[in-house]
Amino acid sequence: MTDISELIHTIHTPEELISTSNFAHNFEGLIILLLAITFLFDKKDFVRKKLRPAILSGVGIFLIGFVFLHHTLKEWSIIVRILLEDRQQLQHFLIAIIAIVGGVVEYFGQKSVKRQNILTLSIPAVITLIGIVFLMHPQHGIEEGVTKAVFFHEILGTIFVSSGFLLLAHKAYKEKWLLALSIVLLLVVALLLLTYQEPIGAYHYVQNIT
């Protein structure tokens, strides 16, 4: 067990970490599902200009707030250290920031008189960037659990990146099938996240396996 893993386990048991991780993945699945549905109503100004940017920025703000607000004030200094030193938690924070910035950029891009301005590329950029993060997402636990979790996130990241590229291609070529395929891939991601459960061995180490 590394020093940072020992620090994490001073404020959470492995079971608590597993429960929190499952909740976070399932919640993200719900958000991706909502995001995918918004593309079915892309011609609605409210959906395109307000709802979709709000979903993105809102989930980012929620995730950052959740990290801190389900801990006591005395634990916040530990949380900050973990965010800075643990690559997994740092990437979670990065995903939240990408979502917040992407939502804000999309909002101002949609407000522009020119519909096809570069700012409206923020959604495919967000999806692609989050996918890239998932492709490099480290995991905690014993080898078997880590291997399974890494493989899952690599699949997730590949689908995310593919969806982002398809959405970008749709922006460029206006082909409806590109948008449809991108939505299907987002729905696959949503299903994977909604049903995700951490594998056996996740967040555990040899000395705390019973």
Foldseek 3Di string as FASTA:
>chain_A
DDPLLVLVCVFPPLVRVQVVLLVLLQVVLVLLLVLLVLLVVCVDLCSQQPVNLCSQLVVLVVQVCVLPVVDDPVCVVSSVVSCVPPLQNVLSNVLSVLSNVLSVLSNVQSVDPDVLDPSVLSVLVSLLVNLVSLQVHFFDFDDVLRVVSNVLSNVLSVLSNQLSVLVVVCSVPVDVVSSVSSSVSSNVSSVCSSPDGRDPGTSYYPVPDD
